[in-house]
């Protein structure tokens, strides 16, 4: 879909790329006064267009700051803003096609350090006990460990023993689980790394492993998609797992504050499944639909308020749109963003 946007853009006016607006006529605060508590809206932009954008939503004041990174740093963000991570009071961004990992001051959003390589970074995870940042990759068949002090490379971990194509070994979400690093591999594996011993193993689960979450029972959940099929993999601490087939596509997953309900985006619907330690088949059901959305792309549940944030990529080249629903499934706000809102990062929690 990202590459399709490049070709569609030939036929559309450039002036439509960065259109955004606040949902009300209240003036947004100046960037230097950005509160710490905020929701970052990561807009990936179009492949090769260098129009990635970081917007900021302030839930307390119900205000939007458009293109906040560029305003704060006096330079464009780059090509394809893939993901962000707020952990232990620190904030990082992954800019995929620019090969950049950036650390920003979480309050001001001013860039403090960066790592630029020929890699294609996807998602990030931070292990504070060893002060290491881990990055998955689109094409390199590896997960990198960076020193979070200066973003220099500490170590690299191969995903597959041998690449079989350009995207072989592609890794997506990554997180810390029981002091291990776990990365989802689209070939159908979990790469599990012990960052102390540097040992690693590959756990075969299901094709299209993409997104990860940890529930209140310390179980790992993996969302997998392959063609029109999808599954949720329930992984126990001893690495035994159960496969739960879902009869609809799973685009993104998120847990609320209680971490006992797994919410997922499926086309224009938000669905959920109540979790337990049992491996009996999951029962998923629809929570609500978003009938006016064109192309839902991003999804997250606010870990404190339980609000649902959804990003609509629309036609992939004009301004995106965000929908916010409260925990009662009522639409409370919509507003325009940069091109292709792809993820949300909750800062200051």
C-alpha atoms as a PDB file:
ATOM      1  CA  UNK A   1       0.000   0.000   0.000  1.00  0.00           C
ATOM      2  CA  UNK A   2       2.867   2.392   0.742  1.00  0.00           C
ATOM      3  CA  UNK A   3       4.329   1.839  -2.709  1.00  0.00           C
ATOM      4  CA  UNK A   4       0.934   2.327  -4.385  1.00  0.00           C
ATOM      5  CA  UNK A   5       0.818   5.813  -2.939  1.00  0.00           C
ATOM      6  CA  UNK A   6       3.887   6.763  -4.937  1.00  0.00           C
ATOM      7  CA  UNK A   7       2.199   6.000  -8.221  1.00  0.00           C
ATOM      8  CA  UNK A   8      -1.138   7.503  -7.260  1.00  0.00           C
ATOM      9  CA  UNK A   9       0.629  10.720  -6.348  1.00  0.00           C
ATOM     10  CA  UNK A  10       1.618  11.340  -9.969  1.00  0.00           C
ATOM     11  CA  UNK A  11      -2.012  12.148 -10.687  1.00  0.00           C
ATOM     12  CA  UNK A  12      -2.752  14.373  -7.706  1.00  0.00           C
ATOM     13  CA  UNK A  13      -1.731  17.906  -6.899  1.00  0.00           C
ATOM     14  CA  UNK A  14       1.178  18.333  -4.541  1.00  0.00           C
ATOM     15  CA  UNK A  15      -0.730  20.962  -2.655  1.00  0.00           C
ATOM     16  CA  UNK A  16      -2.944  18.340  -1.051  1.00  0.00           C
ATOM     17  CA  UNK A  17      -0.114  16.503   0.681  1.00  0.00           C
ATOM     18  CA  UNK A  18       0.192  18.220   4.024  1.00  0.00           C
ATOM     19  CA  UNK A  19      -3.247  19.641   4.587  1.00  0.00           C
ATOM     20  CA  UNK A  20      -4.285  19.500   8.230  1.00  0.00           C
ATOM     21  CA  UNK A  21      -6.611  21.376  10.488  1.00  0.00           C
ATOM     22  CA  UNK A  22      -7.575  21.677  14.108  1.00  0.00           C
ATOM     23  CA  UNK A  23     -10.995  20.291  15.017  1.00  0.00           C
ATOM     24  CA  UNK A  24     -12.049  23.627  16.487  1.00  0.00           C
ATOM     25  CA  UNK A  25     -11.185  27.250  15.871  1.00  0.00           C
ATOM     26  CA  UNK A  26      -9.143  27.486  19.067  1.00  0.00           C
ATOM     27  CA  UNK A  27      -5.503  28.390  18.396  1.00  0.00           C
ATOM     28  CA  UNK A  28      -3.038  25.602  19.072  1.00  0.00           C
ATOM     29  CA  UNK A  29      -0.321  26.297  21.646  1.00  0.00           C
ATOM     30  CA  UNK A  30       3.071  27.349  20.356  1.00  0.00           C
ATOM     31  CA  UNK A  31       5.411  24.366  20.063  1.00  0.00           C
ATOM     32  CA  UNK A  32       7.648  25.533  22.905  1.00  0.00           C
ATOM     33  CA  UNK A  33       4.685  25.164  25.254  1.00  0.00           C
ATOM     34  CA  UNK A  34       3.739  21.600  24.288  1.00  0.00           C
ATOM     35  CA  UNK A  35       2.606  19.711  27.408  1.00  0.00           C
ATOM     36  CA  UNK A  36       4.265  16.413  28.227  1.00  0.00           C
ATOM     37  CA  UNK A  37       0.952  14.504  28.187  1.00  0.00           C
ATOM     38  CA  UNK A  38       0.065  14.115  24.522  1.00  0.00           C
ATOM     39  CA  UNK A  39      -0.731  11.712  21.734  1.00  0.00           C
ATOM     40  CA  UNK A  40       1.711  11.610  18.848  1.00  0.00           C
ATOM     41  CA  UNK A  41       0.146  10.906  15.471  1.00  0.00           C
ATOM     42  CA  UNK A  42       2.755   9.367  13.217  1.00  0.00           C
ATOM     43  CA  UNK A  43       2.041  10.111   9.552  1.00  0.00           C
ATOM     44  CA  UNK A  44       4.304   8.034   7.348  1.00  0.00           C
ATOM     45  CA  UNK A  45       3.878  10.056   4.153  1.00  0.00           C
ATOM     46  CA  UNK A  46       4.503   8.719   0.648  1.00  0.00           C
ATOM     47  CA  UNK A  47       7.348   6.493  -0.458  1.00  0.00           C
ATOM     48  CA  UNK A  48      10.224   8.674  -1.813  1.00  0.00           C
ATOM     49  CA  UNK A  49       8.312  11.919  -1.244  1.00  0.00           C
ATOM     50  CA  UNK A  50      10.063  12.902   2.018  1.00  0.00           C
ATOM     51  CA  UNK A  51       6.739  14.102   3.449  1.00  0.00           C
ATOM     52  CA  UNK A  52       6.584  12.168   6.716  1.00  0.00           C
ATOM     53  CA  UNK A  53       4.923  14.234   9.429  1.00  0.00           C
ATOM     54  CA  UNK A  54       4.551  14.169  13.202  1.00  0.00           C
ATOM     55  CA  UNK A  55       1.301  15.670  14.491  1.00  0.00           C
ATOM     56  CA  UNK A  56       0.424  16.114  18.157  1.00  0.00           C
ATOM     57  CA  UNK A  57      -3.001  15.792  19.764  1.00  0.00           C
ATOM     58  CA  UNK A  58      -3.505  17.316  23.223  1.00  0.00           C
ATOM     59  CA  UNK A  59      -6.413  15.428  24.840  1.00  0.00           C
ATOM     60  CA  UNK A  60      -6.710  17.764  27.837  1.00  0.00           C
ATOM     61  CA  UNK A  61      -7.162  20.912  25.755  1.00  0.00           C
ATOM     62  CA  UNK A  62      -8.613  19.162  22.678  1.00  0.00           C
ATOM     63  CA  UNK A  63      -6.084  20.840  20.398  1.00  0.00           C
ATOM     64  CA  UNK A  64      -3.994  19.672  17.456  1.00  0.00           C
ATOM     65  CA  UNK A  65      -0.455  20.774  16.577  1.00  0.00           C
ATOM     66  CA  UNK A  66       0.261  19.904  12.970  1.00  0.00           C
ATOM     67  CA  UNK A  67       3.747  19.054  11.703  1.00  0.00           C
ATOM     68  CA  UNK A  68       5.258  19.493  15.164  1.00  0.00           C
ATOM     69  CA  UNK A  69       8.645  17.907  14.423  1.00  0.00           C
ATOM     70  CA  UNK A  70       9.365  20.254  11.526  1.00  0.00           C
ATOM     71  CA  UNK A  71       8.241  23.278  13.541  1.00  0.00           C
ATOM     72  CA  UNK A  72      10.482  22.337  16.452  1.00  0.00           C
ATOM     73  CA  UNK A  73      13.535  21.262  14.489  1.00  0.00           C
ATOM     74  CA  UNK A  74      13.344  23.508  11.417  1.00  0.00           C
ATOM     75  CA  UNK A  75      13.807  20.591   9.038  1.00  0.00           C
ATOM     76  CA  UNK A  76      11.641  17.878   7.481  1.00  0.00           C
ATOM     77  CA  UNK A  77      11.339  14.544   9.248  1.00  0.00           C
ATOM     78  CA  UNK A  78      12.202  12.337   6.255  1.00  0.00           C
ATOM     79  CA  UNK A  79      10.820   9.477   4.193  1.00  0.00           C
ATOM     80  CA  UNK A  80       8.274   7.082   5.776  1.00  0.00           C
ATOM     81  CA  UNK A  81       7.769   7.638   9.512  1.00  0.00           C
ATOM     82  CA  UNK A  82       7.250   4.026  10.520  1.00  0.00           C
ATOM     83  CA  UNK A  83       6.874   3.910  14.307  1.00  0.00           C
ATOM     84  CA  UNK A  84       7.617   5.526  17.636  1.00  0.00           C
ATOM     85  CA  UNK A  85       8.414   4.382  21.150  1.00  0.00           C
ATOM     86  CA  UNK A  86       7.929   6.140  24.490  1.00  0.00           C
ATOM     87  CA  UNK A  87       9.570   4.144  27.269  1.00  0.00           C
ATOM     88  CA  UNK A  88      11.037   5.049  30.662  1.00  0.00           C
ATOM     89  CA  UNK A  89      10.602   8.738  29.942  1.00  0.00           C
ATOM     90  CA  UNK A  90      12.437   8.596  26.607  1.00  0.00           C
ATOM     91  CA  UNK A  91      11.103   8.975  23.070  1.00  0.00           C
ATOM     92  CA  UNK A  92      12.390   7.546  19.780  1.00  0.00           C
ATOM     93  CA  UNK A  93      11.141   7.567  16.180  1.00  0.00           C
ATOM     94  CA  UNK A  94      11.914   5.156  13.340  1.00  0.00           C
ATOM     95  CA  UNK A  95      12.011   6.732   9.865  1.00  0.00           C
ATOM     96  CA  UNK A  96      12.088   3.697   7.614  1.00  0.00           C
ATOM     97  CA  UNK A  97      13.145   4.714   4.116  1.00  0.00           C
ATOM     98  CA  UNK A  98      15.493   7.404   5.429  1.00  0.00           C
ATOM     99  CA  UNK A  99      17.319   4.778   7.503  1.00  0.00           C
ATOM    100  CA  UNK A 100      16.999   6.971  10.605  1.00  0.00           C
ATOM    101  CA  UNK A 101      16.355   6.325  14.275  1.00  0.00           C
ATOM    102  CA  UNK A 102      15.879   9.584  16.159  1.00  0.00           C
ATOM    103  CA  UNK A 103      15.674  10.359  19.846  1.00  0.00           C
ATOM    104  CA  UNK A 104      13.554  13.384  20.749  1.00  0.00           C
ATOM    105  CA  UNK A 105      13.030  15.277  23.957  1.00  0.00           C
ATOM    106  CA  UNK A 106       9.590  13.903  24.925  1.00  0.00           C
ATOM    107  CA  UNK A 107       8.261  17.310  25.972  1.00  0.00           C
ATOM    108  CA  UNK A 108       9.644  19.673  23.348  1.00  0.00           C
ATOM    109  CA  UNK A 109      10.070  17.105  20.517  1.00  0.00           C
ATOM    110  CA  UNK A 110      13.477  18.583  19.750  1.00  0.00           C
ATOM    111  CA  UNK A 111      15.878  16.020  18.287  1.00  0.00           C
ATOM    112  CA  UNK A 112      18.676  15.091  20.705  1.00  0.00           C
ATOM    113  CA  UNK A 113      20.493  12.320  18.818  1.00  0.00           C
ATOM    114  CA  UNK A 114      20.191  10.168  15.718  1.00  0.00           C
ATOM    115  CA  UNK A 115      21.415   7.025  14.006  1.00  0.00           C
ATOM    116  CA  UNK A 116      21.509   6.998  10.189  1.00  0.00           C
ATOM    117  CA  UNK A 117      22.511   3.812   8.337  1.00  0.00           C
ATOM    118  CA  UNK A 118      21.623   1.980   5.095  1.00  0.00           C
ATOM    119  CA  UNK A 119      19.132  -0.066   7.147  1.00  0.00           C
ATOM    120  CA  UNK A 120      15.331   0.112   6.946  1.00  0.00           C
ATOM    121  CA  UNK A 121      14.217   0.346  10.603  1.00  0.00           C
ATOM    122  CA  UNK A 122      10.640  -0.675  11.433  1.00  0.00           C
ATOM    123  CA  UNK A 123       9.793  -0.945  15.143  1.00  0.00           C
ATOM    124  CA  UNK A 124      11.681  -0.255  18.366  1.00  0.00           C
ATOM    125  CA  UNK A 125      11.924  -1.654  21.882  1.00  0.00           C
ATOM    126  CA  UNK A 126      13.953  -0.481  24.889  1.00  0.00           C
ATOM    127  CA  UNK A 127      15.516  -2.578  27.651  1.00  0.00           C
ATOM    128  CA  UNK A 128      16.494  -0.152  30.435  1.00  0.00           C
ATOM    129  CA  UNK A 129      18.484  -2.703  32.478  1.00  0.00           C
ATOM    130  CA  UNK A 130      21.218  -2.657  29.823  1.00  0.00           C
ATOM    131  CA  UNK A 131      20.312   0.710  28.253  1.00  0.00           C
ATOM    132  CA  UNK A 132      19.818  -0.872  24.833  1.00  0.00           C
ATOM    133  CA  UNK A 133      17.427   0.033  22.034  1.00  0.00           C
ATOM    134  CA  UNK A 134      16.430  -2.758  19.635  1.00  0.00           C
ATOM    135  CA  UNK A 135      15.264  -2.176  16.045  1.00  0.00           C
ATOM    136  CA  UNK A 136      13.594  -4.509  13.567  1.00  0.00           C
ATOM    137  CA  UNK A 137      14.227  -4.176   9.849  1.00  0.00           C
ATOM    138  CA  UNK A 138      12.477  -4.429   6.500  1.00  0.00           C
ATOM    139  CA  UNK A 139      15.236  -5.870   4.285  1.00  0.00           C
ATOM    140  CA  UNK A 140      18.353  -6.659   6.296  1.00  0.00           C
ATOM    141  CA  UNK A 141      17.337 -10.013   7.892  1.00  0.00           C
ATOM    142  CA  UNK A 142      18.527  -8.739  11.249  1.00  0.00           C
ATOM    143  CA  UNK A 143      17.568  -7.077  14.511  1.00  0.00           C
ATOM    144  CA  UNK A 144      19.992  -4.415  15.704  1.00  0.00           C
ATOM    145  CA  UNK A 145      20.900  -3.628  19.298  1.00  0.00           C
ATOM    146  CA  UNK A 146      21.892   0.010  19.786  1.00  0.00           C
ATOM    147  CA  UNK A 147      23.526   1.676  22.755  1.00  0.00           C
ATOM    148  CA  UNK A 148      20.832   4.103  23.914  1.00  0.00           C
ATOM    149  CA  UNK A 149      23.532   6.448  25.215  1.00  0.00           C
ATOM    150  CA  UNK A 150      24.655   7.446  21.730  1.00  0.00           C
ATOM    151  CA  UNK A 151      22.676   5.178  19.323  1.00  0.00           C
ATOM    152  CA  UNK A 152      25.798   3.381  18.172  1.00  0.00           C
ATOM    153  CA  UNK A 153      25.459  -0.283  17.178  1.00  0.00           C
ATOM    154  CA  UNK A 154      26.232  -2.796  19.929  1.00  0.00           C
ATOM    155  CA  UNK A 155      25.270  -6.039  18.225  1.00  0.00           C
ATOM    156  CA  UNK A 156      23.271  -7.500  15.353  1.00  0.00           C
ATOM    157  CA  UNK A 157      21.166 -10.661  15.412  1.00  0.00           C
ATOM    158  CA  UNK A 158      20.377 -12.558  12.215  1.00  0.00           C
ATOM    159  CA  UNK A 159      16.736 -13.588  11.828  1.00  0.00           C
ATOM    160  CA  UNK A 160      16.871 -16.447   9.308  1.00  0.00           C
ATOM    161  CA  UNK A 161      19.981 -18.563   8.682  1.00  0.00           C
ATOM    162  CA  UNK A 162      19.761 -17.705   4.993  1.00  0.00           C
ATOM    163  CA  UNK A 163      17.837 -15.066   3.058  1.00  0.00           C
ATOM    164  CA  UNK A 164      15.697 -16.351   0.188  1.00  0.00           C
ATOM    165  CA  UNK A 165      14.560 -13.003  -1.234  1.00  0.00           C
ATOM    166  CA  UNK A 166      14.698  -9.232  -0.789  1.00  0.00           C
ATOM    167  CA  UNK A 167      12.215  -9.261   2.111  1.00  0.00           C
ATOM    168  CA  UNK A 168      13.216 -12.597   3.602  1.00  0.00           C
ATOM    169  CA  UNK A 169      13.791 -12.119   7.324  1.00  0.00           C
ATOM    170  CA  UNK A 170      11.495  -9.063   7.488  1.00  0.00           C
ATOM    171  CA  UNK A 171      10.739  -8.286  11.160  1.00  0.00           C
ATOM    172  CA  UNK A 172       7.901  -6.145  12.475  1.00  0.00           C
ATOM    173  CA  UNK A 173       6.822  -5.495  16.091  1.00  0.00           C
ATOM    174  CA  UNK A 174       9.363  -6.020  18.848  1.00  0.00           C
ATOM    175  CA  UNK A 175       9.043  -5.887  22.628  1.00  0.00           C
ATOM    176  CA  UNK A 176      10.573  -6.918  25.946  1.00  0.00           C
ATOM    177  CA  UNK A 177       9.114 -10.067  27.508  1.00  0.00           C
ATOM    178  CA  UNK A 178      10.629 -11.597  30.639  1.00  0.00           C
ATOM    179  CA  UNK A 179      13.876  -9.692  30.042  1.00  0.00           C
ATOM    180  CA  UNK A 180      14.112 -11.231  26.580  1.00  0.00           C
ATOM    181  CA  UNK A 181      13.662  -9.406  23.284  1.00  0.00           C
ATOM    182  CA  UNK A 182      10.948 -10.832  21.030  1.00  0.00           C
ATOM    183  CA  UNK A 183      10.523  -9.802  17.387  1.00  0.00           C
ATOM    184  CA  UNK A 184       7.770 -10.910  14.983  1.00  0.00           C
ATOM    185  CA  UNK A 185       9.032 -12.256  11.664  1.00  0.00           C
ATOM    186  CA  UNK A 186       6.690 -12.246   8.645  1.00  0.00           C
ATOM    187  CA  UNK A 187       8.046 -15.631   7.558  1.00  0.00           C
ATOM    188  CA  UNK A 188       6.034 -17.048  10.488  1.00  0.00           C
ATOM    189  CA  UNK A 189       8.455 -16.950  13.391  1.00  0.00           C
ATOM    190  CA  UNK A 190       9.247 -15.271  16.663  1.00  0.00           C
ATOM    191  CA  UNK A 191      12.884 -14.318  17.092  1.00  0.00           C
ATOM    192  CA  UNK A 192      13.679 -14.581  20.811  1.00  0.00           C
ATOM    193  CA  UNK A 193      16.914 -12.950  21.985  1.00  0.00           C
ATOM    194  CA  UNK A 194      18.706 -13.117  25.316  1.00  0.00           C
ATOM    195  CA  UNK A 195      20.551  -9.780  25.235  1.00  0.00           C
ATOM    196  CA  UNK A 196      22.894 -10.779  28.065  1.00  0.00           C
ATOM    197  CA  UNK A 197      24.186 -14.078  26.697  1.00  0.00           C
ATOM    198  CA  UNK A 198      23.524 -13.017  23.064  1.00  0.00           C
ATOM    199  CA  UNK A 199      21.862 -16.377  22.510  1.00  0.00           C
ATOM    200  CA  UNK A 200      18.809 -16.486  20.261  1.00  0.00           C
ATOM    201  CA  UNK A 201      16.269 -18.958  18.958  1.00  0.00           C
ATOM    202  CA  UNK A 202      13.533 -18.979  16.344  1.00  0.00           C
ATOM    203  CA  UNK A 203      10.075 -20.186  17.354  1.00  0.00           C
ATOM    204  CA  UNK A 204       7.920 -21.235  14.379  1.00  0.00           C
ATOM    205  CA  UNK A 205       4.310 -20.092  14.907  1.00  0.00           C
ATOM    206  CA  UNK A 206       2.222 -18.977  11.921  1.00  0.00           C
ATOM    207  CA  UNK A 207       2.668 -17.137   8.609  1.00  0.00           C
ATOM    208  CA  UNK A 208       2.607 -13.366   8.588  1.00  0.00           C
ATOM    209  CA  UNK A 209       3.542 -12.747  12.239  1.00  0.00           C
ATOM    210  CA  UNK A 210       3.339  -8.968  12.634  1.00  0.00           C
ATOM    211  CA  UNK A 211       2.032  -7.426  15.868  1.00  0.00           C
ATOM    212  CA  UNK A 212       2.732  -8.238  19.513  1.00  0.00           C
ATOM    213  CA  UNK A 213       1.125  -7.517  22.899  1.00  0.00           C
ATOM    214  CA  UNK A 214       1.528  -8.816  26.457  1.00  0.00           C
ATOM    215  CA  UNK A 215      -1.595  -9.386  28.560  1.00  0.00           C
ATOM    216  CA  UNK A 216      -2.184  -9.221  32.313  1.00  0.00           C
ATOM    217  CA  UNK A 217      -1.303 -12.917  32.629  1.00  0.00           C
ATOM    218  CA  UNK A 218       2.129 -12.294  31.074  1.00  0.00           C
ATOM    219  CA  UNK A 219       1.122 -14.157  27.931  1.00  0.00           C
ATOM    220  CA  UNK A 220       2.415 -12.979  24.582  1.00  0.00           C
ATOM    221  CA  UNK A 221      -0.158 -12.463  21.821  1.00  0.00           C
ATOM    222  CA  UNK A 222       0.881 -12.400  18.170  1.00  0.00           C
ATOM    223  CA  UNK A 223      -1.344 -11.203  15.327  1.00  0.00           C
ATOM    224  CA  UNK A 224      -0.632 -13.071  12.087  1.00  0.00           C
ATOM    225  CA  UNK A 225      -2.001 -12.462   8.600  1.00  0.00           C
ATOM    226  CA  UNK A 226      -1.497 -14.523   5.484  1.00  0.00           C
ATOM    227  CA  UNK A 227      -3.680 -13.685   2.513  1.00  0.00           C
ATOM    228  CA  UNK A 228      -7.297 -13.647   3.653  1.00  0.00           C
ATOM    229  CA  UNK A 229      -6.576 -15.715   6.751  1.00  0.00           C
ATOM    230  CA  UNK A 230      -5.569 -14.420  10.170  1.00  0.00           C
ATOM    231  CA  UNK A 231      -4.780 -15.817  13.579  1.00  0.00           C
ATOM    232  CA  UNK A 232      -4.009 -14.778  17.121  1.00  0.00           C
ATOM    233  CA  UNK A 233      -1.223 -16.828  18.679  1.00  0.00           C
ATOM    234  CA  UNK A 234      -1.273 -17.207  22.467  1.00  0.00           C
ATOM    235  CA  UNK A 235       2.273 -17.888  23.701  1.00  0.00           C
ATOM    236  CA  UNK A 236       2.871 -19.105  27.249  1.00  0.00           C
ATOM    237  CA  UNK A 237       6.002 -18.344  29.258  1.00  0.00           C
ATOM    238  CA  UNK A 238       7.331 -21.842  28.565  1.00  0.00           C
ATOM    239  CA  UNK A 239       6.945 -21.040  24.815  1.00  0.00           C
ATOM    240  CA  UNK A 240       4.115 -23.485  24.259  1.00  0.00           C
ATOM    241  CA  UNK A 241       1.405 -21.800  22.221  1.00  0.00           C
ATOM    242  CA  UNK A 242      -2.137 -22.057  20.937  1.00  0.00           C
ATOM    243  CA  UNK A 243      -3.354 -20.890  17.530  1.00  0.00           C
ATOM    244  CA  UNK A 244      -6.727 -19.120  17.431  1.00  0.00           C
ATOM    245  CA  UNK A 245      -8.081 -18.755  13.900  1.00  0.00           C
ATOM    246  CA  UNK A 246     -10.035 -15.558  13.227  1.00  0.00           C
ATOM    247  CA  UNK A 247     -12.450 -15.396  10.304  1.00  0.00           C
ATOM    248  CA  UNK A 248     -11.590 -11.797   9.421  1.00  0.00           C
ATOM    249  CA  UNK A 249      -8.412  -9.820   8.723  1.00  0.00           C
ATOM    250  CA  UNK A 250      -6.492  -8.378  11.657  1.00  0.00           C
ATOM    251  CA  UNK A 251      -4.793  -5.084  10.821  1.00  0.00           C
ATOM    252  CA  UNK A 252      -3.632  -3.893  14.260  1.00  0.00           C
ATOM    253  CA  UNK A 253      -4.019  -5.033  17.858  1.00  0.00           C
ATOM    254  CA  UNK A 254      -4.057  -3.119  21.143  1.00  0.00           C
ATOM    255  CA  UNK A 255      -4.716  -3.785  24.836  1.00  0.00           C
ATOM    256  CA  UNK A 256      -6.589  -1.461  27.168  1.00  0.00           C
ATOM    257  CA  UNK A 257      -5.469  -0.516  30.668  1.00  0.00           C
ATOM    258  CA  UNK A 258      -6.763  -3.746  32.208  1.00  0.00           C
ATOM    259  CA  UNK A 259      -4.880  -5.837  29.619  1.00  0.00           C
ATOM    260  CA  UNK A 260      -7.530  -8.549  29.749  1.00  0.00           C
ATOM    261  CA  UNK A 261      -9.206  -7.635  26.456  1.00  0.00           C
ATOM    262  CA  UNK A 262      -7.515  -7.728  23.094  1.00  0.00           C
ATOM    263  CA  UNK A 263      -8.907  -5.143  20.675  1.00  0.00           C
ATOM    264  CA  UNK A 264      -8.192  -5.357  16.982  1.00  0.00           C
ATOM    265  CA  UNK A 265      -8.906  -3.404  13.831  1.00  0.00           C
ATOM    266  CA  UNK A 266     -10.523  -5.349  10.997  1.00  0.00           C
ATOM    267  CA  UNK A 267     -11.262  -3.194   7.943  1.00  0.00           C
ATOM    268  CA  UNK A 268     -13.881  -0.675   9.166  1.00  0.00           C
ATOM    269  CA  UNK A 269     -14.658  -2.466  12.436  1.00  0.00           C
ATOM    270  CA  UNK A 270     -13.129  -2.583  15.894  1.00  0.00           C
ATOM    271  CA  UNK A 271     -13.480  -6.061  17.388  1.00  0.00           C
ATOM    272  CA  UNK A 272     -12.435  -7.610  20.660  1.00  0.00           C
ATOM    273  CA  UNK A 273     -11.791 -10.872  22.472  1.00  0.00           C
ATOM    274  CA  UNK A 274     -11.741 -11.334  26.235  1.00  0.00           C
ATOM    275  CA  UNK A 275      -8.504 -13.016  27.285  1.00  0.00           C
ATOM    276  CA  UNK A 276      -7.763 -15.646  29.898  1.00  0.00           C
ATOM    277  CA  UNK A 277      -5.049 -18.165  30.689  1.00  0.00           C
ATOM    278  CA  UNK A 278      -7.134 -20.889  29.078  1.00  0.00           C
ATOM    279  CA  UNK A 279      -6.214 -22.022  25.577  1.00  0.00           C
ATOM    280  CA  UNK A 280      -9.821 -22.755  24.627  1.00  0.00           C
ATOM    281  CA  UNK A 281     -10.821 -21.109  21.325  1.00  0.00           C
ATOM    282  CA  UNK A 282     -11.191 -17.332  21.494  1.00  0.00           C
ATOM    283  CA  UNK A 283     -14.596 -15.797  20.943  1.00  0.00           C
ATOM    284  CA  UNK A 284     -14.245 -12.489  19.131  1.00  0.00           C
ATOM    285  CA  UNK A 285     -17.026 -10.034  18.424  1.00  0.00           C
ATOM    286  CA  UNK A 286     -17.594  -6.616  16.927  1.00  0.00           C
ATOM    287  CA  UNK A 287     -17.470  -3.603  19.236  1.00  0.00           C
ATOM    288  CA  UNK A 288     -18.341  -0.842  16.760  1.00  0.00           C
ATOM    289  CA  UNK A 289     -17.881   0.191  13.142  1.00  0.00           C
ATOM    290  CA  UNK A 290     -16.616   3.381  11.530  1.00  0.00           C
ATOM    291  CA  UNK A 291     -18.943   3.782   8.536  1.00  0.00           C
ATOM    292  CA  UNK A 292     -17.506   7.064   7.229  1.00  0.00           C
ATOM    293  CA  UNK A 293     -13.914   5.857   7.076  1.00  0.00           C
ATOM    294  CA  UNK A 294     -12.336   5.211   3.684  1.00  0.00           C
ATOM    295  CA  UNK A 295      -9.197   3.250   4.498  1.00  0.00           C
ATOM    296  CA  UNK A 296      -8.493   2.627   8.173  1.00  0.00           C
ATOM    297  CA  UNK A 297      -4.803   2.094   8.723  1.00  0.00           C
ATOM    298  CA  UNK A 298      -3.801   2.890  12.325  1.00  0.00           C
ATOM    299  CA  UNK A 299      -5.332   1.800  15.622  1.00  0.00           C
ATOM    300  CA  UNK A 300      -4.536   2.073  19.330  1.00  0.00           C
ATOM    301  CA  UNK A 301      -6.364   2.155  22.658  1.00  0.00           C
ATOM    302  CA  UNK A 302      -5.315   4.849  25.127  1.00  0.00           C
ATOM    303  CA  UNK A 303      -3.902   2.955  28.134  1.00  0.00           C
ATOM    304  CA  UNK A 304      -5.447   5.356  30.684  1.00  0.00           C
ATOM    305  CA  UNK A 305      -8.710   6.663  29.251  1.00  0.00           C
ATOM    306  CA  UNK A 306      -9.670   3.649  27.153  1.00  0.00           C
ATOM    307  CA  UNK A 307     -10.357   5.938  24.171  1.00  0.00           C
ATOM    308  CA  UNK A 308      -9.984   4.377  20.725  1.00  0.00           C
ATOM    309  CA  UNK A 309      -7.770   6.163  18.195  1.00  0.00           C
ATOM    310  CA  UNK A 310      -8.108   5.260  14.513  1.00  0.00           C
ATOM    311  CA  UNK A 311      -6.224   6.654  11.542  1.00  0.00           C
ATOM    312  CA  UNK A 312      -7.750   6.788   8.069  1.00  0.00           C
ATOM    313  CA  UNK A 313      -5.268   6.839   5.167  1.00  0.00           C
ATOM    314  CA  UNK A 314      -8.076   7.818   2.749  1.00  0.00           C
ATOM    315  CA  UNK A 315      -6.510   7.727  -0.754  1.00  0.00           C
ATOM    316  CA  UNK A 316      -2.893   7.491   0.558  1.00  0.00           C
ATOM    317  CA  UNK A 317      -1.842  10.872  -0.857  1.00  0.00           C
ATOM    318  CA  UNK A 318      -4.137  13.539   0.562  1.00  0.00           C
ATOM    319  CA  UNK A 319      -4.591  14.491   4.218  1.00  0.00           C
ATOM    320  CA  UNK A 320      -5.332  11.628   6.569  1.00  0.00           C
ATOM    321  CA  UNK A 321      -8.072  11.647   9.188  1.00  0.00           C
ATOM    322  CA  UNK A 322      -8.226  10.602  12.830  1.00  0.00           C
ATOM    323  CA  UNK A 323     -11.343   9.296  14.586  1.00  0.00           C
ATOM    324  CA  UNK A 324     -11.512   9.190  18.382  1.00  0.00           C
ATOM    325  CA  UNK A 325     -14.145   7.061  20.113  1.00  0.00           C
ATOM    326  CA  UNK A 326     -14.632   6.947  23.863  1.00  0.00           C
ATOM    327  CA  UNK A 327     -14.781   3.768  25.923  1.00  0.00           C
ATOM    328  CA  UNK A 328     -18.554   3.635  25.338  1.00  0.00           C
ATOM    329  CA  UNK A 329     -17.883   3.382  21.584  1.00  0.00           C
ATOM    330  CA  UNK A 330     -19.200   6.913  20.911  1.00  0.00           C
ATOM    331  CA  UNK A 331     -17.448   9.099  18.343  1.00  0.00           C
ATOM    332  CA  UNK A 332     -16.117  12.183  20.141  1.00  0.00           C
ATOM    333  CA  UNK A 333     -13.723  13.827  17.676  1.00  0.00           C
ATOM    334  CA  UNK A 334     -12.430  13.796  14.109  1.00  0.00           C
ATOM    335  CA  UNK A 335      -9.692  15.906  12.536  1.00  0.00           C
ATOM    336  CA  UNK A 336      -7.301  15.882   9.589  1.00  0.00           C
ATOM    337  CA  UNK A 337      -3.620  14.930   9.803  1.00  0.00           C
ATOM    338  CA  UNK A 338      -0.598  14.462   7.601  1.00  0.00           C
ATOM    339  CA  UNK A 339      -0.502  11.839   4.868  1.00  0.00           C
ATOM    340  CA  UNK A 340      -1.196   8.238   5.987  1.00  0.00           C
ATOM    341  CA  UNK A 341      -1.563   8.285   9.767  1.00  0.00           C
ATOM    342  CA  UNK A 342       0.108   4.989  10.605  1.00  0.00           C
ATOM    343  CA  UNK A 343       0.534   4.815  14.386  1.00  0.00           C
ATOM    344  CA  UNK A 344      -0.128   6.517  17.710  1.00  0.00           C
ATOM    345  CA  UNK A 345       2.294   7.012  20.611  1.00  0.00           C
ATOM    346  CA  UNK A 346       1.007   7.978  24.054  1.00  0.00           C
ATOM    347  CA  UNK A 347       3.538  10.222  25.790  1.00  0.00           C
ATOM    348  CA  UNK A 348       3.734  11.287  29.425  1.00  0.00           C
ATOM    349  CA  UNK A 349       1.937   8.316  30.945  1.00  0.00           C
END
